[in-house]
Amino acid sequence: MGKNKFFIQILLLFFCCQTWASNGWIEFSPDGRVNVALKAEGKLIFYKIYGPNFRRSREVVVDSEKKININIDDFNFDGEKDFSIWYVDDGMGGLHNSQNFYVFKKTTGVRGVFPKLRR
């Protein structure tokens, strides 16, 4: 019984680190101190970054009529969670996935790295 309880606690801890809220926001913590919230609405992705001493929000326009998907993972292998936005692009060249990566850095917050974003 003790091992099952421990296993359930580990699973709950895992799912608490990556929360899908009922209002459509996806929340996660890249480093345990800062929180990021993401939401897809049509062609827009909204994201908020908030920590002990700051709060930032941005929106990204995605040029697609297809469903927008969000992945959370450590894409640059620095031990902190990042996110990507991807969708299926079925243009004239065939069926492809188009994916944009956003990495978290303690000094700059979230930064788009591929494709290169203009500010």
PDB file of N, CA and C in Angstrom:
ATOM      1  N   MET A   1       0.817  -1.199   0.000  1.00  0.00           N
ATOM      2  CA  MET A   1       0.000   0.000   0.000  1.00  0.00           C
ATOM      3  C   MET A   1       0.858   1.260   0.000  1.00  0.00           C
ATOM      4  N   GLY A   2       1.981   1.258   0.729  1.00  0.00           N
ATOM      5  CA  GLY A   2       2.849   2.420   0.815  1.00  0.00           C
ATOM      6  C   GLY A   2       3.456   2.797  -0.522  1.00  0.00           C
ATOM      7  N   LYS A   3       3.840   1.790  -1.335  1.00  0.00           N
ATOM      8  CA  LYS A   3       4.431   2.064  -2.645  1.00  0.00           C
ATOM      9  C   LYS A   3       3.406   2.683  -3.578  1.00  0.00           C
ATOM     10  N   ASN A   4       2.153   2.210  -3.525  1.00  0.00           N
ATOM     11  CA  ASN A   4       1.104   2.772  -4.383  1.00  0.00           C
ATOM     12  C   ASN A   4       0.830   4.225  -4.030  1.00  0.00           C
ATOM     13  N   LYS A   5       0.811   4.536  -2.749  1.00  0.00           N
ATOM     14  CA  LYS A   5       0.572   5.913  -2.312  1.00  0.00           C
ATOM     15  C   LYS A   5       1.712   6.817  -2.787  1.00  0.00           C
ATOM     16  N   PHE A   6       2.939   6.357  -2.675  1.00  0.00           N
ATOM     17  CA  PHE A   6       4.093   7.123  -3.131  1.00  0.00           C
ATOM     18  C   PHE A   6       4.013   7.355  -4.636  1.00  0.00           C
ATOM     19  N   PHE A   7       3.659   6.342  -5.414  1.00  0.00           N
ATOM     20  CA  PHE A   7       3.538   6.443  -6.864  1.00  0.00           C
ATOM     21  C   PHE A   7       2.470   7.465  -7.231  1.00  0.00           C
ATOM     22  N   ILE A   8       1.348   7.458  -6.560  1.00  0.00           N
ATOM     23  CA  ILE A   8       0.269   8.412  -6.826  1.00  0.00           C
ATOM     24  C   ILE A   8       0.733   9.833  -6.511  1.00  0.00           C
ATOM     25  N   GLN A   9       1.484  10.004  -5.427  1.00  0.00           N
ATOM     26  CA  GLN A   9       1.991  11.332  -5.086  1.00  0.00           C
ATOM     27  C   GLN A   9       2.947  11.853  -6.151  1.00  0.00           C
ATOM     28  N   ILE A  10       3.795  10.985  -6.674  1.00  0.00           N
ATOM     29  CA  ILE A  10       4.717  11.389  -7.737  1.00  0.00           C
ATOM     30  C   ILE A  10       3.939  11.801  -8.985  1.00  0.00           C
ATOM     31  N   LEU A  11       2.915  11.032  -9.354  1.00  0.00           N
ATOM     32  CA  LEU A  11       2.096  11.382 -10.513  1.00  0.00           C
ATOM     33  C   LEU A  11       1.405  12.729 -10.315  1.00  0.00           C
ATOM     34  N   LEU A  12       0.855  12.967  -9.136  1.00  0.00           N
ATOM     35  CA  LEU A  12       0.204  14.240  -8.857  1.00  0.00           C
ATOM     36  C   LEU A  12       1.191  15.397  -8.939  1.00  0.00           C
ATOM     37  N   LEU A  13       2.382  15.208  -8.441  1.00  0.00           N
ATOM     38  CA  LEU A  13       3.401  16.241  -8.514  1.00  0.00           C
ATOM     39  C   LEU A  13       3.755  16.551  -9.967  1.00  0.00           C
ATOM     40  N   PHE A  14       3.880  15.522 -10.788  1.00  0.00           N
ATOM     41  CA  PHE A  14       4.179  15.709 -12.199  1.00  0.00           C
ATOM     42  C   PHE A  14       3.095  16.527 -12.887  1.00  0.00           C
ATOM     43  N   PHE A  15       1.824  16.177 -12.649  1.00  0.00           N
ATOM     44  CA  PHE A  15       0.732  16.878 -13.320  1.00  0.00           C
ATOM     45  C   PHE A  15       0.516  18.276 -12.761  1.00  0.00           C
ATOM     46  N   CYS A  16       0.910  18.526 -11.526  1.00  0.00           N
ATOM     47  CA  CYS A  16       0.779  19.871 -10.969  1.00  0.00           C
ATOM     48  C   CYS A  16       1.777  20.832 -11.596  1.00  0.00           C
ATOM     49  N   CYS A  17       2.908  20.335 -12.062  1.00  0.00           N
ATOM     50  CA  CYS A  17       3.918  21.192 -12.677  1.00  0.00           C
ATOM     51  C   CYS A  17       3.488  21.666 -14.056  1.00  0.00           C
ATOM     52  N   GLN A  18       2.535  20.997 -14.645  1.00  0.00           N
ATOM     53  CA  GLN A  18       2.082  21.336 -15.982  1.00  0.00           C
ATOM     54  C   GLN A  18       0.558  21.292 -15.960  1.00  0.00           C
ATOM     55  N   THR A  19      -0.075  22.425 -15.733  1.00  0.00           N
ATOM     56  CA  THR A  19      -1.502  22.478 -15.472  1.00  0.00           C
ATOM     57  C   THR A  19      -2.263  22.999 -16.674  1.00  0.00           C
ATOM     58  N   TRP A  20      -3.302  22.300 -17.057  1.00  0.00           N
ATOM     59  CA  TRP A  20      -4.215  22.783 -18.073  1.00  0.00           C
ATOM     60  C   TRP A  20      -5.441  23.304 -17.335  1.00  0.00           C
ATOM     61  N   ALA A  21      -5.605  24.610 -17.341  1.00  0.00           N
ATOM     62  CA  ALA A  21      -6.695  25.227 -16.595  1.00  0.00           C
ATOM     63  C   ALA A  21      -7.991  25.106 -17.387  1.00  0.00           C
ATOM     64  N   SER A  22      -9.096  25.133 -16.669  1.00  0.00           N
ATOM     65  CA  SER A  22     -10.394  24.970 -17.308  1.00  0.00           C
ATOM     66  C   SER A  22     -10.762  26.164 -18.183  1.00  0.00           C
ATOM     67  N   ASN A  23     -10.144  27.313 -17.978  1.00  0.00           N
ATOM     68  CA  ASN A  23     -10.452  28.490 -18.786  1.00  0.00           C
ATOM     69  C   ASN A  23      -9.603  28.577 -20.052  1.00  0.00           C
ATOM     70  N   GLY A  24      -8.882  27.528 -20.395  1.00  0.00           N
ATOM     71  CA  GLY A  24      -8.096  27.489 -21.612  1.00  0.00           C
ATOM     72  C   GLY A  24      -6.642  27.878 -21.451  1.00  0.00           C
ATOM     73  N   TRP A  25      -6.241  28.344 -20.297  1.00  0.00           N
ATOM     74  CA  TRP A  25      -4.840  28.712 -20.065  1.00  0.00           C
ATOM     75  C   TRP A  25      -4.034  27.476 -19.709  1.00  0.00           C
ATOM     76  N   ILE A  26      -2.838  27.367 -20.272  1.00  0.00           N
ATOM     77  CA  ILE A  26      -1.883  26.325 -19.921  1.00  0.00           C
ATOM     78  C   ILE A  26      -0.823  27.002 -19.070  1.00  0.00           C
ATOM     79  N   GLU A  27      -0.571  26.476 -17.887  1.00  0.00           N
ATOM     80  CA  GLU A  27       0.389  27.099 -16.981  1.00  0.00           C
ATOM     81  C   GLU A  27       1.519  26.134 -16.652  1.00  0.00           C
ATOM     82  N   PHE A  28       2.733  26.670 -16.571  1.00  0.00           N
ATOM     83  CA  PHE A  28       3.876  25.871 -16.157  1.00  0.00           C
ATOM     84  C   PHE A  28       4.925  26.799 -15.558  1.00  0.00           C
ATOM     85  N   SER A  29       5.865  26.204 -14.867  1.00  0.00           N
ATOM     86  CA  SER A  29       6.951  26.956 -14.256  1.00  0.00           C
ATOM     87  C   SER A  29       8.272  26.485 -14.859  1.00  0.00           C
ATOM     88  N   PRO A  30       8.965  27.353 -15.612  1.00  0.00           N
ATOM     89  CA  PRO A  30      10.221  26.943 -16.235  1.00  0.00           C
ATOM     90  C   PRO A  30      11.306  26.578 -15.230  1.00  0.00           C
ATOM     91  N   ASP A  31      11.374  27.303 -14.127  1.00  0.00           N
ATOM     92  CA  ASP A  31      12.486  27.117 -13.196  1.00  0.00           C
ATOM     93  C   ASP A  31      12.059  26.977 -11.739  1.00  0.00           C
ATOM     94  N   GLY A  32      10.770  26.914 -11.456  1.00  0.00           N
ATOM     95  CA  GLY A  32      10.295  26.780 -10.087  1.00  0.00           C
ATOM     96  C   GLY A  32      10.016  28.108  -9.393  1.00  0.00           C
ATOM     97  N   ARG A  33      10.508  29.220  -9.948  1.00  0.00           N
ATOM     98  CA  ARG A  33      10.259  30.548  -9.358  1.00  0.00           C
ATOM     99  C   ARG A  33       9.376  31.413 -10.242  1.00  0.00           C
ATOM    100  N   VAL A  34       9.497  31.256 -11.526  1.00  0.00           N
ATOM    101  CA  VAL A  34       8.750  32.044 -12.500  1.00  0.00           C
ATOM    102  C   VAL A  34       7.643  31.176 -13.074  1.00  0.00           C
ATOM    103  N   ASN A  35       6.488  31.780 -13.370  1.00  0.00           N
ATOM    104  CA  ASN A  35       5.367  31.058 -13.970  1.00  0.00           C
ATOM    105  C   ASN A  35       5.065  31.631 -15.350  1.00  0.00           C
ATOM    106  N   VAL A  36       4.657  30.749 -16.248  1.00  0.00           N
ATOM    107  CA  VAL A  36       4.258  31.138 -17.594  1.00  0.00           C
ATOM    108  C   VAL A  36       2.852  30.601 -17.827  1.00  0.00           C
ATOM    109  N   ALA A  37       1.983  31.430 -18.397  1.00  0.00           N
ATOM    110  CA  ALA A  37       0.620  31.019 -18.753  1.00  0.00           C
ATOM    111  C   ALA A  37       0.432  31.278 -20.245  1.00  0.00           C
ATOM    112  N   LEU A  38      -0.113  30.293 -20.963  1.00  0.00           N
ATOM    113  CA  LEU A  38      -0.322  30.370 -22.414  1.00  0.00           C
ATOM    114  C   LEU A  38      -1.777  30.108 -22.741  1.00  0.00           C
ATOM    115  N   LYS A  39      -2.264  30.762 -23.788  1.00  0.00           N
ATOM    116  CA  LYS A  39      -3.626  30.511 -24.231  1.00  0.00           C
ATOM    117  C   LYS A  39      -3.703  30.737 -25.735  1.00  0.00           C
ATOM    118  N   ALA A  40      -4.312  29.795 -26.441  1.00  0.00           N
ATOM    119  CA  ALA A  40      -4.521  29.919 -27.888  1.00  0.00           C
ATOM    120  C   ALA A  40      -5.970  30.316 -28.133  1.00  0.00           C
ATOM    121  N   GLU A  41      -6.154  31.396 -28.902  1.00  0.00           N
ATOM    122  CA  GLU A  41      -7.495  31.844 -29.303  1.00  0.00           C
ATOM    123  C   GLU A  41      -7.458  32.197 -30.778  1.00  0.00           C
ATOM    124  N   GLY A  42      -7.994  31.328 -31.598  1.00  0.00           N
ATOM    125  CA  GLY A  42      -7.972  31.570 -33.030  1.00  0.00           C
ATOM    126  C   GLY A  42      -6.550  31.623 -33.553  1.00  0.00           C
ATOM    127  N   LYS A  43      -6.172  32.762 -34.153  1.00  0.00           N
ATOM    128  CA  LYS A  43      -4.819  32.936 -34.694  1.00  0.00           C
ATOM    129  C   LYS A  43      -3.864  33.557 -33.686  1.00  0.00           C
ATOM    130  N   LEU A  44      -4.302  33.772 -32.467  1.00  0.00           N
ATOM    131  CA  LEU A  44      -3.474  34.434 -31.465  1.00  0.00           C
ATOM    132  C   LEU A  44      -3.052  33.476 -30.363  1.00  0.00           C
ATOM    133  N   ILE A  45      -1.803  33.618 -29.941  1.00  0.00           N
ATOM    134  CA  ILE A  45      -1.297  32.951 -28.746  1.00  0.00           C
ATOM    135  C   ILE A  45      -0.967  34.057 -27.754  1.00  0.00           C
ATOM    136  N   PHE A  46      -1.574  34.007 -26.599  1.00  0.00           N
ATOM    137  CA  PHE A  46      -1.274  34.953 -25.526  1.00  0.00           C
ATOM    138  C   PHE A  46      -0.375  34.252 -24.531  1.00  0.00           C
ATOM    139  N   TYR A  47       0.663  34.947 -24.050  1.00  0.00           N
ATOM    140  CA  TYR A  47       1.432  34.377 -22.956  1.00  0.00           C
ATOM    141  C   TYR A  47       1.777  35.443 -21.939  1.00  0.00           C
ATOM    142  N   LYS A  48       1.756  35.018 -20.686  1.00  0.00           N
ATOM    143  CA  LYS A  48       2.078  35.882 -19.558  1.00  0.00           C
ATOM    144  C   LYS A  48       3.216  35.231 -18.789  1.00  0.00           C
ATOM    145  N   ILE A  49       4.174  36.045 -18.366  1.00  0.00           N
ATOM    146  CA  ILE A  49       5.273  35.580 -17.538  1.00  0.00           C
ATOM    147  C   ILE A  49       5.213  36.393 -16.253  1.00  0.00           C
ATOM    148  N   TYR A  50       5.209  35.721 -15.136  1.00  0.00           N
ATOM    149  CA  TYR A  50       5.169  36.461 -13.883  1.00  0.00           C
ATOM    150  C   TYR A  50       6.020  35.757 -12.842  1.00  0.00           C
ATOM    151  N   GLY A  51       6.734  36.581 -12.099  1.00  0.00           N
ATOM    152  CA  GLY A  51       7.632  36.097 -11.060  1.00  0.00           C
ATOM    153  C   GLY A  51       7.554  36.989  -9.846  1.00  0.00           C
ATOM    154  N   PRO A  52       8.489  36.836  -8.928  1.00  0.00           N
ATOM    155  CA  PRO A  52       8.445  37.608  -7.691  1.00  0.00           C
ATOM    156  C   PRO A  52       8.500  39.123  -7.912  1.00  0.00           C
ATOM    157  N   ASN A  53       9.250  39.584  -8.920  1.00  0.00           N
ATOM    158  CA  ASN A  53       9.445  41.021  -9.098  1.00  0.00           C
ATOM    159  C   ASN A  53       9.032  41.560 -10.456  1.00  0.00           C
ATOM    160  N   PHE A  54       8.369  40.771 -11.265  1.00  0.00           N
ATOM    161  CA  PHE A  54       8.004  41.281 -12.592  1.00  0.00           C
ATOM    162  C   PHE A  54       6.780  40.562 -13.146  1.00  0.00           C
ATOM    163  N   ARG A  55       6.217  41.174 -14.178  1.00  0.00           N
ATOM    164  CA  ARG A  55       5.072  40.610 -14.897  1.00  0.00           C
ATOM    165  C   ARG A  55       5.131  41.138 -16.331  1.00  0.00           C
ATOM    166  N   ARG A  56       5.103  40.236 -17.302  1.00  0.00           N
ATOM    167  CA  ARG A  56       5.112  40.606 -18.715  1.00  0.00           C
ATOM    168  C   ARG A  56       4.030  39.823 -19.439  1.00  0.00           C
ATOM    169  N   SER A  57       3.514  40.414 -20.497  1.00  0.00           N
ATOM    170  CA  SER A  57       2.567  39.684 -21.338  1.00  0.00           C
ATOM    171  C   SER A  57       2.805  40.066 -22.793  1.00  0.00           C
ATOM    172  N   ARG A  58       2.568  39.113 -23.661  1.00  0.00           N
ATOM    173  CA  ARG A  58       2.751  39.313 -25.096  1.00  0.00           C
ATOM    174  C   ARG A  58       1.691  38.492 -25.833  1.00  0.00           C
ATOM    175  N   GLU A  59       1.567  38.805 -27.115  1.00  0.00           N
ATOM    176  CA  GLU A  59       0.747  37.970 -27.979  1.00  0.00           C
ATOM    177  C   GLU A  59       1.507  37.703 -29.265  1.00  0.00           C
ATOM    178  N   VAL A  60       1.269  36.537 -29.830  1.00  0.00           N
ATOM    179  CA  VAL A  60       1.912  36.112 -31.066  1.00  0.00           C
ATOM    180  C   VAL A  60       0.810  35.794 -32.062  1.00  0.00           C
ATOM    181  N   VAL A  61       0.914  36.341 -33.262  1.00  0.00           N
ATOM    182  CA  VAL A  61      -0.045  36.055 -34.324  1.00  0.00           C
ATOM    183  C   VAL A  61       0.475  34.877 -35.129  1.00  0.00           C
ATOM    184  N   VAL A  62      -0.348  33.854 -35.281  1.00  0.00           N
ATOM    185  CA  VAL A  62       0.009  32.666 -36.049  1.00  0.00           C
ATOM    186  C   VAL A  62      -0.791  32.685 -37.338  1.00  0.00           C
ATOM    187  N   ASP A  63      -0.107  32.668 -38.471  1.00  0.00           N
ATOM    188  CA  ASP A  63      -0.763  32.751 -39.772  1.00  0.00           C
ATOM    189  C   ASP A  63      -1.172  31.353 -40.235  1.00  0.00           C
ATOM    190  N   SER A  64      -2.276  30.864 -39.683  1.00  0.00           N
ATOM    191  CA  SER A  64      -2.770  29.535 -40.050  1.00  0.00           C
ATOM    192  C   SER A  64      -4.257  29.441 -39.767  1.00  0.00           C
ATOM    193  N   GLU A  65      -4.931  28.694 -40.601  1.00  0.00           N
ATOM    194  CA  GLU A  65      -6.346  28.407 -40.366  1.00  0.00           C
ATOM    195  C   GLU A  65      -6.519  27.102 -39.592  1.00  0.00           C
ATOM    196  N   LYS A  66      -5.423  26.375 -39.419  1.00  0.00           N
ATOM    197  CA  LYS A  66      -5.461  25.072 -38.741  1.00  0.00           C
ATOM    198  C   LYS A  66      -5.406  25.233 -37.231  1.00  0.00           C
ATOM    199  N   LYS A  67      -5.663  24.140 -36.539  1.00  0.00           N
ATOM    200  CA  LYS A  67      -5.599  24.124 -35.085  1.00  0.00           C
ATOM    201  C   LYS A  67      -4.170  24.404 -34.628  1.00  0.00           C
ATOM    202  N   ILE A  68      -4.046  25.276 -33.625  1.00  0.00           N
ATOM    203  CA  ILE A  68      -2.742  25.613 -33.071  1.00  0.00           C
ATOM    204  C   ILE A  68      -2.494  24.718 -31.862  1.00  0.00           C
ATOM    205  N   ASN A  69      -1.307  24.124 -31.816  1.00  0.00           N
ATOM    206  CA  ASN A  69      -0.924  23.232 -30.724  1.00  0.00           C
ATOM    207  C   ASN A  69       0.225  23.851 -29.943  1.00  0.00           C
ATOM    208  N   ILE A  70       0.275  23.552 -28.644  1.00  0.00           N
ATOM    209  CA  ILE A  70       1.330  24.057 -27.780  1.00  0.00           C
ATOM    210  C   ILE A  70       2.015  22.879 -27.114  1.00  0.00           C
ATOM    211  N   ASN A  71       3.346  22.840 -27.179  1.00  0.00           N
ATOM    212  CA  ASN A  71       4.152  21.825 -26.491  1.00  0.00           C
ATOM    213  C   ASN A  71       5.015  22.495 -25.441  1.00  0.00           C
ATOM    214  N   ILE A  72       5.185  21.837 -24.315  1.00  0.00           N
ATOM    215  CA  ILE A  72       6.064  22.317 -23.255  1.00  0.00           C
ATOM    216  C   ILE A  72       7.152  21.277 -23.058  1.00  0.00           C
ATOM    217  N   ASP A  73       8.411  21.716 -23.176  1.00  0.00           N
ATOM    218  CA  ASP A  73       9.548  20.813 -23.027  1.00  0.00           C
ATOM    219  C   ASP A  73      10.809  21.661 -22.863  1.00  0.00           C
ATOM    220  N   ASP A  74      11.935  21.020 -22.631  1.00  0.00           N
ATOM    221  CA  ASP A  74      13.212  21.712 -22.529  1.00  0.00           C
ATOM    222  C   ASP A  74      13.884  21.636 -23.896  1.00  0.00           C
ATOM    223  N   PHE A  75      13.583  22.577 -24.781  1.00  0.00           N
ATOM    224  CA  PHE A  75      14.034  22.511 -26.164  1.00  0.00           C
ATOM    225  C   PHE A  75      15.508  22.873 -26.349  1.00  0.00           C
ATOM    226  N   ASN A  76      16.094  23.660 -25.446  1.00  0.00           N
ATOM    227  CA  ASN A  76      17.501  24.016 -25.590  1.00  0.00           C
ATOM    228  C   ASN A  76      18.384  23.320 -24.551  1.00  0.00           C
ATOM    229  N   PHE A  77      17.841  22.336 -23.855  1.00  0.00           N
ATOM    230  CA  PHE A  77      18.583  21.440 -22.954  1.00  0.00           C
ATOM    231  C   PHE A  77      19.342  22.178 -21.846  1.00  0.00           C
ATOM    232  N   ASP A  78      18.717  23.232 -21.295  1.00  0.00           N
ATOM    233  CA  ASP A  78      19.357  23.969 -20.202  1.00  0.00           C
ATOM    234  C   ASP A  78      18.716  23.663 -18.842  1.00  0.00           C
ATOM    235  N   GLY A  79      17.796  22.707 -18.804  1.00  0.00           N
ATOM    236  CA  GLY A  79      17.155  22.322 -17.549  1.00  0.00           C
ATOM    237  C   GLY A  79      15.911  23.122 -17.213  1.00  0.00           C
ATOM    238  N   GLU A  80      15.539  24.089 -18.049  1.00  0.00           N
ATOM    239  CA  GLU A  80      14.350  24.907 -17.813  1.00  0.00           C
ATOM    240  C   GLU A  80      13.348  24.652 -18.920  1.00  0.00           C
ATOM    241  N   LYS A  81      12.074  24.644 -18.553  1.00  0.00           N
ATOM    242  CA  LYS A  81      11.030  24.355 -19.537  1.00  0.00           C
ATOM    243  C   LYS A  81      10.841  25.528 -20.486  1.00  0.00           C
ATOM    244  N   ASP A  82      10.591  25.193 -21.733  1.00  0.00           N
ATOM    245  CA  ASP A  82      10.321  26.149 -22.799  1.00  0.00           C
ATOM    246  C   ASP A  82       8.985  25.753 -23.429  1.00  0.00           C
ATOM    247  N   PHE A  83       8.555  26.479 -24.462  1.00  0.00           N
ATOM    248  CA  PHE A  83       7.346  26.045 -25.163  1.00  0.00           C
ATOM    249  C   PHE A  83       7.503  26.248 -26.653  1.00  0.00           C
ATOM    250  N   SER A  84       6.702  25.511 -27.398  1.00  0.00           N
ATOM    251  CA  SER A  84       6.673  25.669 -28.853  1.00  0.00           C
ATOM    252  C   SER A  84       5.223  25.730 -29.295  1.00  0.00           C
ATOM    253  N   ILE A  85       5.017  26.393 -30.404  1.00  0.00           N
ATOM    254  CA  ILE A  85       3.701  26.500 -31.036  1.00  0.00           C
ATOM    255  C   ILE A  85       3.835  25.828 -32.392  1.00  0.00           C
ATOM    256  N   TRP A  86       2.928  24.905 -32.693  1.00  0.00           N
ATOM    257  CA  TRP A  86       3.009  24.243 -33.993  1.00  0.00           C
ATOM    258  C   TRP A  86       1.622  24.010 -34.561  1.00  0.00           C
ATOM    259  N   TYR A  87       1.590  23.874 -35.887  1.00  0.00           N
ATOM    260  CA  TYR A  87       0.344  23.603 -36.600  1.00  0.00           C
ATOM    261  C   TYR A  87       0.686  22.890 -37.897  1.00  0.00           C
ATOM    262  N   VAL A  88      -0.301  22.249 -38.471  1.00  0.00           N
ATOM    263  CA  VAL A  88      -0.131  21.533 -39.733  1.00  0.00           C
ATOM    264  C   VAL A  88      -0.281  22.535 -40.870  1.00  0.00           C
ATOM    265  N   ASP A  89       0.656  22.511 -41.788  1.00  0.00           N
ATOM    266  CA  ASP A  89       0.632  23.389 -42.957  1.00  0.00           C
ATOM    267  C   ASP A  89       0.496  22.505 -44.187  1.00  0.00           C
ATOM    268  N   ASP A  90      -0.670  22.527 -44.796  1.00  0.00           N
ATOM    269  CA  ASP A  90      -0.894  21.675 -45.969  1.00  0.00           C
ATOM    270  C   ASP A  90      -0.916  22.528 -47.236  1.00  0.00           C
ATOM    271  N   GLY A  91       0.197  23.206 -47.475  1.00  0.00           N
ATOM    272  CA  GLY A  91       0.325  24.079 -48.643  1.00  0.00           C
ATOM    273  C   GLY A  91       0.606  23.302 -49.908  1.00  0.00           C
ATOM    274  N   MET A  92       1.017  24.024 -50.923  1.00  0.00           N
ATOM    275  CA  MET A  92       1.230  23.419 -52.238  1.00  0.00           C
ATOM    276  C   MET A  92       2.424  22.473 -52.249  1.00  0.00           C
ATOM    277  N   GLY A  93       3.343  22.609 -51.310  1.00  0.00           N
ATOM    278  CA  GLY A  93       4.514  21.737 -51.270  1.00  0.00           C
ATOM    279  C   GLY A  93       4.273  20.424 -50.556  1.00  0.00           C
ATOM    280  N   GLY A  94       3.057  20.183 -50.116  1.00  0.00           N
ATOM    281  CA  GLY A  94       2.751  18.952 -49.396  1.00  0.00           C
ATOM    282  C   GLY A  94       2.350  19.245 -47.958  1.00  0.00           C
ATOM    283  N   LEU A  95       2.293  18.217 -47.155  1.00  0.00           N
ATOM    284  CA  LEU A  95       1.857  18.325 -45.761  1.00  0.00           C
ATOM    285  C   LEU A  95       3.081  18.456 -44.852  1.00  0.00           C
ATOM    286  N   HIS A  96       3.144  19.537 -44.075  1.00  0.00           N
ATOM    287  CA  HIS A  96       4.280  19.813 -43.199  1.00  0.00           C
ATOM    288  C   HIS A  96       3.774  20.306 -41.851  1.00  0.00           C
ATOM    289  N   ASN A  97       4.619  20.191 -40.850  1.00  0.00           N
ATOM    290  CA  ASN A  97       4.377  20.848 -39.569  1.00  0.00           C
ATOM    291  C   ASN A  97       5.204  22.117 -39.535  1.00  0.00           C
ATOM    292  N   SER A  98       4.590  23.197 -39.111  1.00  0.00           N
ATOM    293  CA  SER A  98       5.317  24.442 -38.906  1.00  0.00           C
ATOM    294  C   SER A  98       5.418  24.648 -37.406  1.00  0.00           C
ATOM    295  N   GLN A  99       6.627  24.864 -36.894  1.00  0.00           N
ATOM    296  CA  GLN A  99       6.828  24.942 -35.453  1.00  0.00           C
ATOM    297  C   GLN A  99       7.700  26.140 -35.098  1.00  0.00           C
ATOM    298  N   ASN A 100       7.278  26.901 -34.092  1.00  0.00           N
ATOM    299  CA  ASN A 100       8.026  28.039 -33.560  1.00  0.00           C
ATOM    300  C   ASN A 100       8.420  27.715 -32.130  1.00  0.00           C
ATOM    301  N   PHE A 101       9.679  27.991 -31.771  1.00  0.00           N
ATOM    302  CA  PHE A 101      10.194  27.674 -30.444  1.00  0.00           C
ATOM    303  C   PHE A 101      10.406  28.946 -29.629  1.00  0.00           C
ATOM    304  N   TYR A 102      10.064  28.880 -28.358  1.00  0.00           N
ATOM    305  CA  TYR A 102      10.238  29.982 -27.417  1.00  0.00           C
ATOM    306  C   TYR A 102      10.954  29.424 -26.196  1.00  0.00           C
ATOM    307  N   VAL A 103      12.134  29.944 -25.921  1.00  0.00           N
ATOM    308  CA  VAL A 103      12.925  29.428 -24.809  1.00  0.00           C
ATOM    309  C   VAL A 103      12.916  30.424 -23.663  1.00  0.00           C
ATOM    310  N   PHE A 104      13.051  29.903 -22.456  1.00  0.00           N
ATOM    311  CA  PHE A 104      13.060  30.718 -21.250  1.00  0.00           C
ATOM    312  C   PHE A 104      14.501  30.951 -20.808  1.00  0.00           C
ATOM    313  N   LYS A 105      14.831  32.190 -20.527  1.00  0.00           N
ATOM    314  CA  LYS A 105      16.117  32.565 -19.946  1.00  0.00           C
ATOM    315  C   LYS A 105      15.833  33.427 -18.726  1.00  0.00           C
ATOM    316  N   LYS A 106      16.507  33.162 -17.633  1.00  0.00           N
ATOM    317  CA  LYS A 106      16.275  33.924 -16.405  1.00  0.00           C
ATOM    318  C   LYS A 106      16.496  35.416 -16.611  1.00  0.00           C
ATOM    319  N   THR A 107      17.435  35.780 -17.463  1.00  0.00           N
ATOM    320  CA  THR A 107      17.775  37.194 -17.635  1.00  0.00           C
ATOM    321  C   THR A 107      16.825  37.934 -18.571  1.00  0.00           C
ATOM    322  N   THR A 108      16.246  37.242 -19.547  1.00  0.00           N
ATOM    323  CA  THR A 108      15.420  37.924 -20.550  1.00  0.00           C
ATOM    324  C   THR A 108      13.978  37.462 -20.589  1.00  0.00           C
ATOM    325  N   GLY A 109      13.604  36.439 -19.850  1.00  0.00           N
ATOM    326  CA  GLY A 109      12.244  35.903 -19.929  1.00  0.00           C
ATOM    327  C   GLY A 109      12.119  34.965 -21.106  1.00  0.00           C
ATOM    328  N   VAL A 110      10.979  34.989 -21.794  1.00  0.00           N
ATOM    329  CA  VAL A 110      10.751  34.117 -22.946  1.00  0.00           C
ATOM    330  C   VAL A 110      11.222  34.824 -24.202  1.00  0.00           C
ATOM    331  N   ARG A 111      11.885  34.068 -25.079  1.00  0.00           N
ATOM    332  CA  ARG A 111      12.437  34.637 -26.303  1.00  0.00           C
ATOM    333  C   ARG A 111      12.182  33.662 -27.449  1.00  0.00           C
ATOM    334  N   GLY A 112      11.637  34.161 -28.559  1.00  0.00           N
ATOM    335  CA  GLY A 112      11.448  33.333 -29.739  1.00  0.00           C
ATOM    336  C   GLY A 112      12.781  33.085 -30.410  1.00  0.00           C
ATOM    337  N   VAL A 113      13.098  31.832 -30.692  1.00  0.00           N
ATOM    338  CA  VAL A 113      14.402  31.520 -31.283  1.00  0.00           C
ATOM    339  C   VAL A 113      14.305  30.936 -32.683  1.00  0.00           C
ATOM    340  N   PHE A 114      13.203  30.331 -33.035  1.00  0.00           N
ATOM    341  CA  PHE A 114      13.064  29.807 -34.389  1.00  0.00           C
ATOM    342  C   PHE A 114      11.591  29.815 -34.761  1.00  0.00           C
ATOM    343  N   PRO A 115      11.217  30.431 -35.820  1.00  0.00           N
ATOM    344  CA  PRO A 115      12.058  31.294 -36.634  1.00  0.00           C
ATOM    345  C   PRO A 115      12.401  32.579 -35.890  1.00  0.00           C
ATOM    346  N   LYS A 116      13.398  33.288 -36.366  1.00  0.00           N
ATOM    347  CA  LYS A 116      13.836  34.523 -35.702  1.00  0.00           C
ATOM    348  C   LYS A 116      12.693  35.528 -35.700  1.00  0.00           C
ATOM    349  N   LEU A 117      12.355  36.033 -34.525  1.00  0.00           N
ATOM    350  CA  LEU A 117      11.246  36.977 -34.408  1.00  0.00           C
ATOM    351  C   LEU A 117      11.761  38.401 -34.388  1.00  0.00           C
ATOM    352  N   ARG A 118      11.009  39.289 -34.981  1.00  0.00           N
ATOM    353  CA  ARG A 118      11.332  40.721 -34.958  1.00  0.00           C
ATOM    354  C   ARG A 118      10.571  41.359 -33.807  1.00  0.00           C
ATOM    355  N   ARG A 119      11.180  42.330 -33.170  1.00  0.00           N
ATOM    356  CA  ARG A 119      10.521  43.046 -32.072  1.00  0.00           C
ATOM    357  C   ARG A 119       9.995  44.362 -32.544  1.00  0.00           C
TER     358      ARG A 119
END
